[in-house]
Amino acid sequence: MREAIGMVETKSFVAALEVADAMTKAASVKIMDFQIVGSGLVSVTVTGDVAAVTAAVETGKERGAMVAEVVSANVIPRPHDEVDKIFDFDGGE
């Protein structure tokens, strides 16, 4: 994986939708994954260049907190190629 990844996890599906919307509007990022974890937890994962992902995660945290609790957020600037296997990013090739 050549691009950074960023994640924001909320305690509400509606908040996660708000996070996803805010992240994609705030910076040039693509949604990699929208995962309903369970017990109300929902995680949004985006990818893009480091600056864009960092800006998107910060904006997502702020907007998500307006709707519900933001449980966690993180940016991984240069994830190892093995991380691709988690997301099946290459389509299983």
Protein backbone atom coordinates (compact mmCIF):
# COMPACT_ATOMS: atom_id res chain seq x y z
CA MET A 1 0.00 0.00 0.00
CA ARG A 2 1.50 3.31 -1.04
CA GLU A 3 -1.04 5.69 0.43
CA ALA A 4 -1.87 6.55 4.03
CA ILE A 5 -4.95 5.15 5.71
CA GLY A 6 -7.11 6.86 8.31
CA MET A 7 -9.83 5.47 10.53
CA VAL A 8 -12.57 6.98 12.66
CA GLU A 9 -14.80 4.82 14.85
CA THR A 10 -18.09 6.06 16.30
CA LYS A 11 -20.85 4.72 18.54
CA SER A 12 -23.55 5.43 15.98
CA PHE A 13 -24.31 4.52 12.38
CA VAL A 14 -25.63 8.02 11.73
CA ALA A 15 -22.46 9.57 13.16
CA ALA A 16 -20.36 7.29 10.95
CA LEU A 17 -22.28 8.48 7.89
CA GLU A 18 -21.61 12.06 8.97
CA VAL A 19 -17.92 11.20 9.41
CA ALA A 20 -17.71 9.60 5.96
CA ASP A 21 -19.40 12.58 4.34
CA ALA A 22 -17.20 15.10 6.15
CA MET A 23 -13.99 13.20 5.42
CA THR A 24 -14.62 12.96 1.68
CA LYS A 25 -15.62 16.61 1.47
CA ALA A 26 -12.67 17.85 3.55
CA ALA A 27 -9.88 16.29 1.50
CA SER A 28 -9.11 14.18 -1.54
CA VAL A 29 -9.58 10.75 0.06
CA LYS A 30 -11.41 7.57 -0.92
CA ILE A 31 -13.47 5.41 1.41
CA MET A 32 -11.79 2.00 1.71
CA ASP A 33 -14.14 0.44 4.22
CA PHE A 34 -17.32 1.19 6.14
CA GLN A 35 -17.53 -1.49 8.80
CA ILE A 36 -20.42 -2.09 11.19
CA VAL A 37 -18.40 -3.54 14.07
CA GLY A 38 -21.29 -4.34 16.41
CA SER A 39 -22.79 -3.01 19.64
CA GLY A 40 -23.38 0.30 17.88
CA LEU A 41 -19.75 0.74 16.80
CA VAL A 42 -19.12 1.72 13.20
CA SER A 43 -15.71 2.31 11.63
CA VAL A 44 -14.92 4.40 8.54
CA THR A 45 -11.57 3.88 6.81
CA VAL A 46 -10.20 6.18 4.10
CA THR A 47 -7.06 6.27 1.97
CA GLY A 48 -5.11 9.03 0.25
CA ASP A 49 -1.92 11.01 0.67
CA VAL A 50 -0.78 11.64 4.25
CA ALA A 51 -1.82 15.30 4.42
CA ALA A 52 -5.26 14.60 2.95
CA VAL A 53 -5.90 11.64 5.25
CA THR A 54 -4.77 13.62 8.30
CA ALA A 55 -7.08 16.53 7.40
CA ALA A 56 -9.95 14.15 6.67
CA VAL A 57 -9.58 12.30 9.99
CA GLU A 58 -9.45 15.56 11.99
CA THR A 59 -12.55 16.86 10.24
CA GLY A 60 -14.31 13.50 10.62
CA LYS A 61 -13.61 13.42 14.36
CA GLU A 62 -15.01 16.93 14.83
CA ARG A 63 -18.15 16.32 12.78
CA GLY A 64 -18.77 12.86 14.23
CA ALA A 65 -18.53 14.23 17.78
CA MET A 66 -21.41 16.59 16.98
CA VAL A 67 -23.70 13.60 16.42
CA ALA A 68 -22.43 10.89 18.80
CA GLU A 69 -19.37 9.64 20.63
CA VAL A 70 -16.17 9.22 18.62
CA VAL A 71 -14.49 6.16 20.12
CA SER A 72 -11.16 6.31 18.32
CA ALA A 73 -9.31 7.74 15.34
CA ASN A 74 -5.93 7.03 13.81
CA VAL A 75 -3.77 7.81 10.78
CA ILE A 76 -1.17 5.35 9.50
CA PRO A 77 1.14 7.30 7.16
CA ARG A 78 2.86 4.42 5.36
CA PRO A 79 1.20 1.10 6.09
CA HIS A 80 3.12 -2.04 5.23
CA ASP A 81 2.07 -3.89 2.06
CA GLU A 82 0.75 -6.74 4.23
CA VAL A 83 -2.02 -4.41 5.45
CA ASP A 84 -3.57 -4.70 1.97
CA LYS A 85 -4.60 -8.23 2.88
CA ILE A 86 -6.91 -6.92 5.60
CA PHE A 87 -8.91 -4.83 3.14
CA ASP A 88 -8.50 -7.07 0.07
CA PHE A 89 -7.52 -3.80 -1.59
CA ASP A 90 -6.08 -5.45 -4.70
CA GLY A 91 -9.28 -7.37 -5.44
CA GLY A 92 -7.81 -10.70 -4.34
CA GLU A 93 -5.12 -10.87 -7.02
